[in-house]
């Protein structure tokens, strides 16, 4: 299992220490949630902060944009050092164009889908992307409880990927812990975003290792 700890749950007063802790862990990516206060009711990291994070991190950056009009910021996200840029299907009127822009900028392409959005919205784009980010909570805040319907949705998504011959992997974000991570592993998720479970743990390295072993 690939693991991407989410900095949304980190101690912002000691961000360098938190990133250095992840550098020495078995994590695969560093997940950064960018929120604009419009698409979701919260505001988080801006470009200068992401650049500073990238300067410290030895992990590739998995940047998740929970913002309106994400196509305006493709070059800025690339310049911040992102390896993977994920945008929401709900935020993109011209989704195929945005996917092309991210690809042309040299980043891997992720498409996120909210709990209330049907999987069918991905049918015509699934072969053009590297990753689907399945939200298992309503986006905007950390520490929420896992939405159980995510498991049934994951089954439909994996079938869509298999039937279409897509190489996209599935990342799941929200309410991840040992129990929900175990369930998602059984349902063949490929990558887990874990915030509170990692950063609130007395032994973050162990928490990451336990999720990786699922």
Protein backbone atom coordinates (compact mmCIF):
# COMPACT_ATOMS: atom_id res chain seq x y z
CA UNK A 1 0.00 0.00 0.00
CA UNK A 2 1.25 3.49 -0.88
CA UNK A 3 0.95 6.03 1.94
CA UNK A 4 0.68 9.82 1.63
CA UNK A 5 0.57 11.55 5.02
CA UNK A 6 -1.49 14.74 4.87
CA UNK A 7 0.16 17.89 6.22
CA UNK A 8 -3.30 19.28 6.96
CA UNK A 9 -3.06 17.51 10.33
CA UNK A 10 0.55 18.48 11.06
CA UNK A 11 1.70 20.94 13.71
CA UNK A 12 1.97 24.13 11.62
CA UNK A 13 4.09 25.75 14.31
CA UNK A 14 6.73 23.08 13.78
CA UNK A 15 6.27 22.29 10.10
CA UNK A 16 9.95 21.70 9.34
CA UNK A 17 10.20 19.19 12.17
CA UNK A 18 7.08 17.39 10.93
CA UNK A 19 8.38 17.18 7.36
CA UNK A 20 11.78 15.93 8.51
CA UNK A 21 9.98 13.25 10.51
CA UNK A 22 8.20 12.13 7.33
CA UNK A 23 11.49 12.20 5.41
CA UNK A 24 12.80 9.50 7.71
CA UNK A 25 9.60 7.43 7.53
CA UNK A 26 8.37 4.83 5.03
CA UNK A 27 5.86 7.26 3.48
CA UNK A 28 5.69 7.36 -0.32
CA UNK A 29 4.30 10.86 -0.92
CA UNK A 30 3.68 14.05 1.02
CA UNK A 31 0.02 15.06 0.58
CA UNK A 32 -0.71 18.79 0.50
CA UNK A 33 -4.30 20.02 0.54
CA UNK A 34 -4.72 23.43 -1.09
CA UNK A 35 -8.04 25.08 -0.14
CA UNK A 36 -9.39 28.45 -1.25
CA UNK A 37 -12.36 29.13 1.06
CA UNK A 38 -14.68 28.99 -1.98
CA UNK A 39 -14.74 25.40 -3.26
CA UNK A 40 -14.43 24.27 0.37
CA UNK A 41 -15.04 26.29 3.58
CA UNK A 42 -11.41 26.52 4.63
CA UNK A 43 -8.12 28.11 3.54
CA UNK A 44 -4.77 26.35 3.79
CA UNK A 45 -1.44 26.41 1.95
CA UNK A 46 -0.38 29.00 -0.64
CA UNK A 47 2.39 28.77 -3.20
CA UNK A 48 5.22 30.23 -1.04
CA UNK A 49 4.46 27.67 1.69
CA UNK A 50 4.39 24.77 -0.80
CA UNK A 51 7.76 25.88 -2.19
CA UNK A 52 9.17 25.98 1.33
CA UNK A 53 7.79 22.50 2.02
CA UNK A 54 9.36 21.18 -1.17
CA UNK A 55 12.72 22.60 -0.17
CA UNK A 56 12.67 20.47 2.99
CA UNK A 57 10.85 17.36 1.81
CA UNK A 58 12.65 14.40 0.25
CA UNK A 59 9.27 12.88 -0.61
CA UNK A 60 7.45 13.67 -3.88
CA UNK A 61 4.65 16.18 -3.41
CA UNK A 62 1.07 15.00 -3.96
CA UNK A 63 -0.76 18.34 -4.30
CA UNK A 64 -4.56 18.18 -4.02
CA UNK A 65 -6.32 21.36 -5.17
CA UNK A 66 -9.70 21.90 -3.53
CA UNK A 67 -10.19 25.18 -5.36
CA UNK A 68 -12.27 26.74 -8.11
CA UNK A 69 -10.66 27.25 -11.53
CA UNK A 70 -7.59 25.10 -10.82
CA UNK A 71 -6.50 25.46 -14.47
CA UNK A 72 -5.24 28.95 -13.63
CA UNK A 73 -2.56 27.58 -11.33
CA UNK A 74 -1.01 24.64 -13.18
CA UNK A 75 2.31 26.35 -13.83
CA UNK A 76 2.53 27.65 -10.25
CA UNK A 77 1.94 24.17 -8.83
CA UNK A 78 4.61 22.77 -11.14
CA UNK A 79 7.02 25.50 -10.08
CA UNK A 80 6.37 24.63 -6.45
CA UNK A 81 7.86 21.20 -7.16
CA UNK A 82 4.74 19.03 -7.32
CA UNK A 83 5.10 15.54 -8.79
CA UNK A 84 1.35 14.90 -8.84
CA UNK A 85 -1.39 17.51 -9.24
CA UNK A 86 -4.96 16.51 -8.42
CA UNK A 87 -8.01 18.61 -9.30
CA UNK A 88 -11.68 18.03 -8.56
CA UNK A 89 -14.02 16.89 -11.31
CA UNK A 90 -16.62 19.17 -9.71
CA UNK A 91 -14.38 22.23 -10.13
CA UNK A 92 -13.50 21.76 -13.81
CA UNK A 93 -15.94 22.80 -16.53
CA UNK A 94 -13.47 21.69 -19.22
CA UNK A 95 -11.93 18.69 -17.47
CA UNK A 96 -10.13 17.22 -20.47
CA UNK A 97 -8.37 20.53 -21.12
CA UNK A 98 -7.20 20.76 -17.51
CA UNK A 99 -5.86 17.19 -17.67
CA UNK A 100 -3.90 18.09 -20.81
CA UNK A 101 -2.48 21.20 -19.16
CA UNK A 102 -1.24 19.24 -16.13
CA UNK A 103 0.29 16.56 -18.35
CA UNK A 104 2.01 19.15 -20.55
CA UNK A 105 3.44 20.79 -17.44
CA UNK A 106 5.25 17.54 -16.69
CA UNK A 107 3.24 16.37 -13.68
CA UNK A 108 1.23 13.23 -13.07
CA UNK A 109 -2.52 13.84 -13.27
CA UNK A 110 -5.02 13.07 -10.52
CA UNK A 111 -8.78 13.61 -10.55
CA UNK A 112 -10.60 13.86 -7.22
CA UNK A 113 -14.26 13.01 -6.77
CA UNK A 114 -16.45 14.03 -3.82
CA UNK A 115 -18.61 11.58 -1.83
CA UNK A 116 -21.82 12.76 -3.51
CA UNK A 117 -20.48 12.66 -7.08
CA UNK A 118 -21.17 9.52 -9.17
CA UNK A 119 -18.27 7.48 -10.52
CA UNK A 120 -19.82 7.82 -13.98
CA UNK A 121 -18.37 11.35 -14.20
CA UNK A 122 -14.98 9.70 -14.78
CA UNK A 123 -15.96 7.42 -17.67
CA UNK A 124 -14.68 9.65 -20.47
CA UNK A 125 -11.45 10.68 -18.75
CA UNK A 126 -10.29 7.52 -16.96
CA UNK A 127 -7.78 6.54 -19.66
CA UNK A 128 -6.13 9.99 -19.60
CA UNK A 129 -5.18 10.15 -15.93
CA UNK A 130 -2.74 8.54 -13.50
CA UNK A 131 -4.82 8.57 -10.33
CA UNK A 132 -8.36 8.88 -9.01
CA UNK A 133 -8.65 10.44 -5.55
CA UNK A 134 -11.78 9.05 -3.96
CA UNK A 135 -12.89 11.35 -1.15
CA UNK A 136 -14.18 9.33 1.80
CA UNK A 137 -15.20 12.48 3.71
CA UNK A 138 -16.61 15.80 2.55
CA UNK A 139 -13.55 17.89 1.66
CA UNK A 140 -12.49 20.93 3.64
CA UNK A 141 -11.44 19.76 7.10
CA UNK A 142 -9.28 17.08 8.69
CA UNK A 143 -10.38 14.68 11.39
CA UNK A 144 -13.72 13.63 9.87
CA UNK A 145 -15.29 10.17 10.04
CA UNK A 146 -15.04 7.76 7.12
CA UNK A 147 -18.15 7.56 4.91
CA UNK A 148 -19.01 3.85 4.64
CA UNK A 149 -20.50 4.12 1.15
CA UNK A 150 -16.95 4.74 -0.07
CA UNK A 151 -16.39 0.96 -0.14
CA UNK A 152 -19.25 0.35 -2.59
CA UNK A 153 -18.05 3.29 -4.66
CA UNK A 154 -14.52 1.86 -4.70
CA UNK A 155 -15.87 -1.41 -6.13
CA UNK A 156 -17.55 0.47 -8.99
CA UNK A 157 -14.43 2.55 -9.60
CA UNK A 158 -12.12 -0.45 -9.76
CA UNK A 159 -14.50 -2.11 -12.22
CA UNK A 160 -14.50 1.01 -14.40
CA UNK A 161 -10.70 1.05 -14.40
CA UNK A 162 -10.48 -2.66 -15.25
CA UNK A 163 -13.16 -2.53 -17.96
CA UNK A 164 -11.57 0.50 -19.64
CA UNK A 165 -8.01 -0.82 -19.49
CA UNK A 166 -6.90 2.28 -17.59
CA UNK A 167 -3.63 2.33 -15.65
CA UNK A 168 -5.00 4.76 -13.06
CA UNK A 169 -4.46 3.92 -9.41
CA UNK A 170 -6.97 4.71 -6.66
CA UNK A 171 -6.11 6.95 -3.73
CA UNK A 172 -8.57 7.33 -0.83
CA UNK A 173 -8.63 10.37 1.45
CA UNK A 174 -10.59 10.91 4.66
CA UNK A 175 -11.06 9.14 7.97
CA UNK A 176 -8.15 6.75 7.37
CA UNK A 177 -6.95 4.66 10.29
CA UNK A 178 -5.91 1.04 10.85
CA UNK A 179 -9.52 -0.19 10.65
CA UNK A 180 -10.72 1.79 7.62
CA UNK A 181 -7.34 1.31 5.94
CA UNK A 182 -7.72 -2.43 6.37
CA UNK A 183 -11.16 -2.36 4.77
CA UNK A 184 -9.88 -0.28 1.85
CA UNK A 185 -6.98 -2.69 1.36
CA UNK A 186 -9.49 -5.55 1.08
CA UNK A 187 -11.35 -3.54 -1.56
CA UNK A 188 -8.09 -3.01 -3.47
CA UNK A 189 -7.33 0.66 -2.89
CA UNK A 190 -3.78 1.48 -4.00
CA UNK A 191 -2.89 4.53 -1.91
CA UNK A 192 -4.11 6.03 1.36
CA UNK A 193 -4.00 9.63 2.55
CA UNK A 194 -3.67 9.70 6.33
CA UNK A 195 -3.60 12.88 8.39
CA UNK A 196 -4.85 12.67 11.96
CA UNK A 197 -3.97 8.97 12.26
CA UNK A 198 -0.32 9.74 11.55
CA UNK A 199 0.23 13.11 13.19
CA UNK A 200 -1.84 12.43 16.32
CA UNK A 201 -0.05 9.13 16.87
CA UNK A 202 2.56 8.88 19.65
CA UNK A 203 4.63 6.91 17.12
CA UNK A 204 4.03 8.32 13.61
CA UNK A 205 6.64 6.08 11.98
CA UNK A 206 4.87 3.03 13.35
CA UNK A 207 1.48 4.32 12.19
CA UNK A 208 2.81 4.79 8.65
CA UNK A 209 4.48 1.38 8.69
CA UNK A 210 1.25 -0.27 9.85
CA UNK A 211 -0.72 1.30 6.98
CA UNK A 212 1.92 0.33 4.44
CA UNK A 213 1.69 -3.29 5.56
CA UNK A 214 -2.05 -3.52 4.83
